[in-house]
Amino acid sequence: MFRMRPITLIAIFVILAALAPAQAKREDQNSQLEGAASLRGASPQDVTRSQERLIRQIRNELVTLPYYDVFDWLEGEARADGTVVLRGQVVRPTTKSEAEARVKDIEGVEQVINEIEVLPTSINDDRLRRALYRALFNFDSPLFRYAHRAVPPIHIIVKNGRVTLKGVVATEQEKQLAYMKARAVPGVFEVRNELRVEK
C-alpha cells in the first residue's frame, strides 16, 4: 500500500490553501456576472430591445407620478448592470421619494441612485412659475396647444429667479418663441433654453 510522507502531505495542504482564495475569487466573480450572463448569450438586438423596454418603463413610471407637472423635470439613465440613475428637479420632496420607489419596483432594476434635486422653497420663484406659465401658454399663444396634455411636453424649471426650459416642441420657431416669452417675464434673471425640436 502506498503511504505518503508527512512532509508530502504538508506540501499538498499548503498548495491547496494557496489555491483556495483564487478559487473563491473566481466563484465570487462568476456569481457577480450571473446577472449579465444572460446578456452574453443574447444578440446585440436583444440587449438593445431589453434596454429600450426598461427605459420606456422608467419613463412611464416617472411621468405618471401623482404630482409630476410642468414645473418638474425628471429623467433616468439605465446602466447595463441594472443600476438606474435618476436626475432632475422637482418642487415637492415627495415627488423625489416616490420616483425612487416606483423605479425600484421595475423588473430588472437592481439599484437606484437618486440624484433628483428638490428645488428650494421660494415665494418669488412660485410667482415666477405662475407668470411664466401664463406667458408661454396664454390662450392666444401658439404654444397653448401644449398646455393641456396629460404629459406636459414643455417644463418650466425655476430656481432662484433663473429659468430652464426643458422638453420637446415641434419646430425651431416654437423653441425660439418659448425662449422669447420666458425672457420677457419681469423678475427673470436668466433663461436657459434646453428645449429639443421633435424629429
Protein backbone atom coordinates (compact mmCIF):
# COMPACT_ATOMS: atom_id res chain seq x y z
CA MET A 1 0.00 0.00 0.00
CA PHE A 2 1.20 3.45 -0.94
CA ARG A 3 1.98 5.70 2.06
CA MET A 4 2.68 9.42 1.84
CA ARG A 5 5.35 11.01 3.91
CA PRO A 6 4.21 13.69 6.40
CA ILE A 7 6.29 16.30 4.55
CA THR A 8 4.46 15.49 1.27
CA LEU A 9 1.06 15.84 2.97
CA ILE A 10 2.03 19.21 4.42
CA ALA A 11 3.16 20.39 0.96
CA ILE A 12 -0.19 19.36 -0.56
CA PHE A 13 -2.16 21.22 2.15
CA VAL A 14 -0.03 24.33 1.61
CA ILE A 15 -0.70 24.23 -2.15
CA LEU A 16 -4.46 23.70 -1.61
CA ALA A 17 -4.56 26.53 0.91
CA ALA A 18 -2.81 28.84 -1.56
CA LEU A 19 -5.25 27.92 -4.34
CA ALA A 20 -8.40 28.30 -2.20
CA PRO A 21 -8.55 32.14 -2.25
CA ALA A 22 -8.08 32.19 -6.05
CA GLN A 23 -10.90 29.62 -6.46
CA ALA A 24 -13.16 31.61 -4.11
CA LYS A 25 -12.39 34.79 -6.04
CA ARG A 26 -13.30 33.06 -9.33
CA GLU A 27 -16.59 31.80 -7.82
CA ASP A 28 -17.35 35.28 -6.48
CA GLN A 29 -16.70 36.85 -9.91
CA ASN A 30 -18.92 34.23 -11.54
CA SER A 31 -21.77 34.99 -9.12
CA GLN A 32 -21.39 38.74 -9.79
CA LEU A 33 -21.55 38.14 -13.53
CA GLU A 34 -24.53 35.79 -13.24
CA GLY A 35 -26.98 38.61 -13.98
CA ALA A 36 -25.02 39.64 -17.07
CA ALA A 37 -24.53 36.06 -18.27
CA SER A 38 -27.94 36.01 -19.93
CA LEU A 39 -26.90 39.11 -21.89
CA ARG A 40 -23.72 37.42 -23.10
CA GLY A 41 -25.67 34.72 -24.93
CA ALA A 42 -28.16 37.22 -26.33
CA SER A 43 -27.77 39.02 -29.61
CA PRO A 44 -26.98 42.78 -29.59
CA GLN A 45 -30.52 43.39 -30.86
CA ASP A 46 -31.99 41.52 -27.86
CA VAL A 47 -29.85 43.54 -25.43
CA THR A 48 -30.88 46.79 -27.12
CA ARG A 49 -34.56 45.81 -27.05
CA SER A 50 -34.30 44.88 -23.37
CA GLN A 51 -32.59 48.19 -22.56
CA GLU A 52 -35.16 50.16 -24.59
CA ARG A 53 -38.02 48.38 -22.83
CA LEU A 54 -36.50 49.22 -19.44
CA ILE A 55 -36.08 52.89 -20.44
CA ARG A 56 -39.73 53.04 -21.58
CA GLN A 57 -40.88 51.54 -18.27
CA ILE A 58 -38.78 54.04 -16.28
CA ARG A 59 -40.16 56.95 -18.30
CA ASN A 60 -43.72 55.70 -17.86
CA GLU A 61 -43.31 55.43 -14.08
CA LEU A 62 -41.83 58.93 -13.86
CA VAL A 63 -44.40 60.76 -15.99
CA THR A 64 -47.35 59.11 -14.20
CA LEU A 65 -46.28 60.22 -10.72
CA PRO A 66 -49.28 61.88 -8.98
CA TYR A 67 -47.81 65.39 -8.60
CA TYR A 68 -45.39 65.44 -11.54
CA ASP A 69 -46.24 68.54 -13.57
CA VAL A 70 -44.99 71.34 -15.79
CA PHE A 71 -42.74 72.75 -13.03
CA ASP A 72 -40.82 69.46 -12.52
CA TRP A 73 -38.33 67.67 -14.71
CA LEU A 74 -37.31 64.02 -14.30
CA GLU A 75 -35.07 61.74 -16.32
CA GLY A 76 -33.46 58.37 -15.78
CA GLU A 77 -30.30 56.69 -17.01
CA ALA A 78 -30.39 52.88 -17.24
CA ARG A 79 -27.00 51.19 -16.99
CA ALA A 80 -26.13 47.69 -18.19
CA ASP A 81 -25.66 46.38 -14.62
CA GLY A 82 -29.26 47.17 -13.67
CA THR A 83 -28.43 50.47 -11.98
CA VAL A 84 -30.77 53.38 -12.69
CA VAL A 85 -29.64 56.96 -12.05
CA LEU A 86 -32.49 59.43 -11.52
CA ARG A 87 -31.86 63.11 -12.20
CA GLY A 88 -33.88 66.29 -12.48
CA GLN A 89 -35.52 68.99 -10.39
CA VAL A 90 -38.82 68.82 -8.52
CA VAL A 91 -40.85 71.24 -6.43
CA ARG A 92 -42.05 68.68 -3.84
CA PRO A 93 -39.78 66.33 -1.80
CA THR A 94 -42.44 63.60 -2.09
CA THR A 95 -42.01 63.55 -5.88
CA LYS A 96 -38.34 62.68 -5.39
CA SER A 97 -39.04 59.81 -2.97
CA GLU A 98 -41.99 58.48 -5.00
CA ALA A 99 -39.90 58.46 -8.18
CA GLU A 100 -37.27 56.30 -6.49
CA ALA A 101 -39.87 53.93 -5.00
CA ARG A 102 -41.63 53.48 -8.36
CA VAL A 103 -38.43 52.79 -10.30
CA LYS A 104 -37.13 50.32 -7.66
CA ASP A 105 -40.17 48.13 -8.33
CA ILE A 106 -39.42 47.72 -12.05
CA GLU A 107 -38.26 44.25 -13.01
CA GLY A 108 -34.57 44.28 -13.97
CA VAL A 109 -33.66 47.28 -11.79
CA GLU A 110 -31.00 46.26 -9.25
CA GLN A 111 -30.18 49.63 -7.70
CA VAL A 112 -31.45 53.22 -7.86
CA ILE A 113 -29.14 56.22 -7.42
CA ASN A 114 -31.38 59.19 -6.68
CA GLU A 115 -29.75 62.48 -7.77
CA ILE A 116 -33.05 64.39 -8.09
CA GLU A 117 -32.79 67.92 -6.72
CA VAL A 118 -35.62 69.31 -4.62
CA LEU A 119 -35.91 73.00 -5.55
CA PRO A 120 -35.73 75.48 -2.66
CA THR A 121 -38.96 76.93 -1.31
CA SER A 122 -39.35 80.50 -2.56
CA ILE A 123 -42.35 82.85 -2.79
CA ASN A 124 -40.61 84.72 -5.63
CA ASP A 125 -39.95 81.51 -7.60
CA ASP A 126 -43.59 80.48 -7.15
CA ARG A 127 -44.69 83.87 -8.51
CA LEU A 128 -42.35 83.44 -11.49
CA ARG A 129 -43.68 79.94 -12.19
CA ARG A 130 -47.23 81.29 -12.46
CA ALA A 131 -46.15 84.25 -14.61
CA LEU A 132 -44.08 82.05 -16.92
CA TYR A 133 -46.92 79.57 -17.33
CA ARG A 134 -49.31 82.38 -18.31
CA ALA A 135 -46.74 83.89 -20.71
CA LEU A 136 -46.00 80.62 -22.50
CA PHE A 137 -49.45 79.07 -22.57
CA ASN A 138 -51.70 82.12 -22.92
CA PHE A 139 -54.87 81.38 -24.91
CA ASP A 140 -53.65 83.38 -27.93
CA SER A 141 -50.15 81.84 -27.86
CA PRO A 142 -49.15 79.22 -30.48
CA LEU A 143 -47.80 77.20 -27.51
CA PHE A 144 -51.29 76.98 -25.97
CA ARG A 145 -51.79 73.53 -27.54
CA TYR A 146 -49.04 72.12 -25.28
CA ALA A 147 -50.70 73.30 -22.05
CA HIS A 148 -53.45 70.71 -21.75
CA ARG A 149 -51.68 67.44 -22.46
CA ALA A 150 -51.60 64.71 -19.81
CA VAL A 151 -47.81 64.67 -20.01
CA PRO A 152 -46.62 68.26 -20.49
CA PRO A 153 -44.02 68.46 -23.29
CA ILE A 154 -42.65 71.80 -22.05
CA HIS A 155 -41.32 72.06 -18.49
CA ILE A 156 -40.53 75.32 -16.68
CA ILE A 157 -37.83 74.88 -14.03
CA VAL A 158 -37.32 77.90 -11.77
CA LYS A 159 -34.52 78.17 -9.21
CA ASN A 160 -33.60 81.45 -7.53
CA GLY A 161 -35.05 83.52 -10.37
CA ARG A 162 -33.22 81.54 -13.04
CA VAL A 163 -35.31 79.62 -15.57
CA THR A 164 -34.57 76.50 -17.57
CA LEU A 165 -36.94 75.37 -20.32
CA LYS A 166 -36.88 71.61 -20.87
CA GLY A 167 -38.81 69.19 -23.03
CA VAL A 168 -39.78 68.85 -26.67
CA VAL A 169 -41.52 71.12 -29.20
CA ALA A 170 -42.48 70.52 -32.82
CA THR A 171 -40.48 73.28 -34.53
CA GLU A 172 -37.44 75.51 -34.12
CA GLN A 173 -39.80 78.54 -34.25
CA GLU A 174 -41.72 77.24 -31.21
CA LYS A 175 -38.45 76.71 -29.37
CA GLN A 176 -37.41 80.32 -30.03
CA LEU A 177 -40.89 81.62 -29.19
CA ALA A 178 -40.84 79.88 -25.80
CA TYR A 179 -37.43 81.40 -25.06
CA MET A 180 -38.53 84.93 -26.01
CA LYS A 181 -41.74 84.72 -23.98
CA ALA A 182 -39.83 83.48 -20.92
CA ARG A 183 -37.22 86.25 -21.28
CA ALA A 184 -39.99 88.88 -21.33
CA VAL A 185 -41.35 87.89 -17.88
CA PRO A 186 -40.40 90.57 -15.28
CA GLY A 187 -38.14 89.33 -12.49
CA VAL A 188 -36.45 86.56 -14.50
CA PHE A 189 -32.66 86.83 -14.18
CA GLU A 190 -31.68 84.28 -16.83
CA VAL A 191 -33.30 81.80 -19.24
CA ARG A 192 -31.61 78.64 -20.47
CA ASN A 193 -33.39 77.11 -23.44
CA GLU A 194 -32.86 73.34 -23.36
CA LEU A 195 -35.96 72.52 -25.40
CA ARG A 196 -35.40 69.93 -28.11
CA VAL A 197 -37.06 70.02 -31.51
CA GLU A 198 -39.05 66.87 -32.31
CA LYS A 199 -37.55 64.73 -35.04
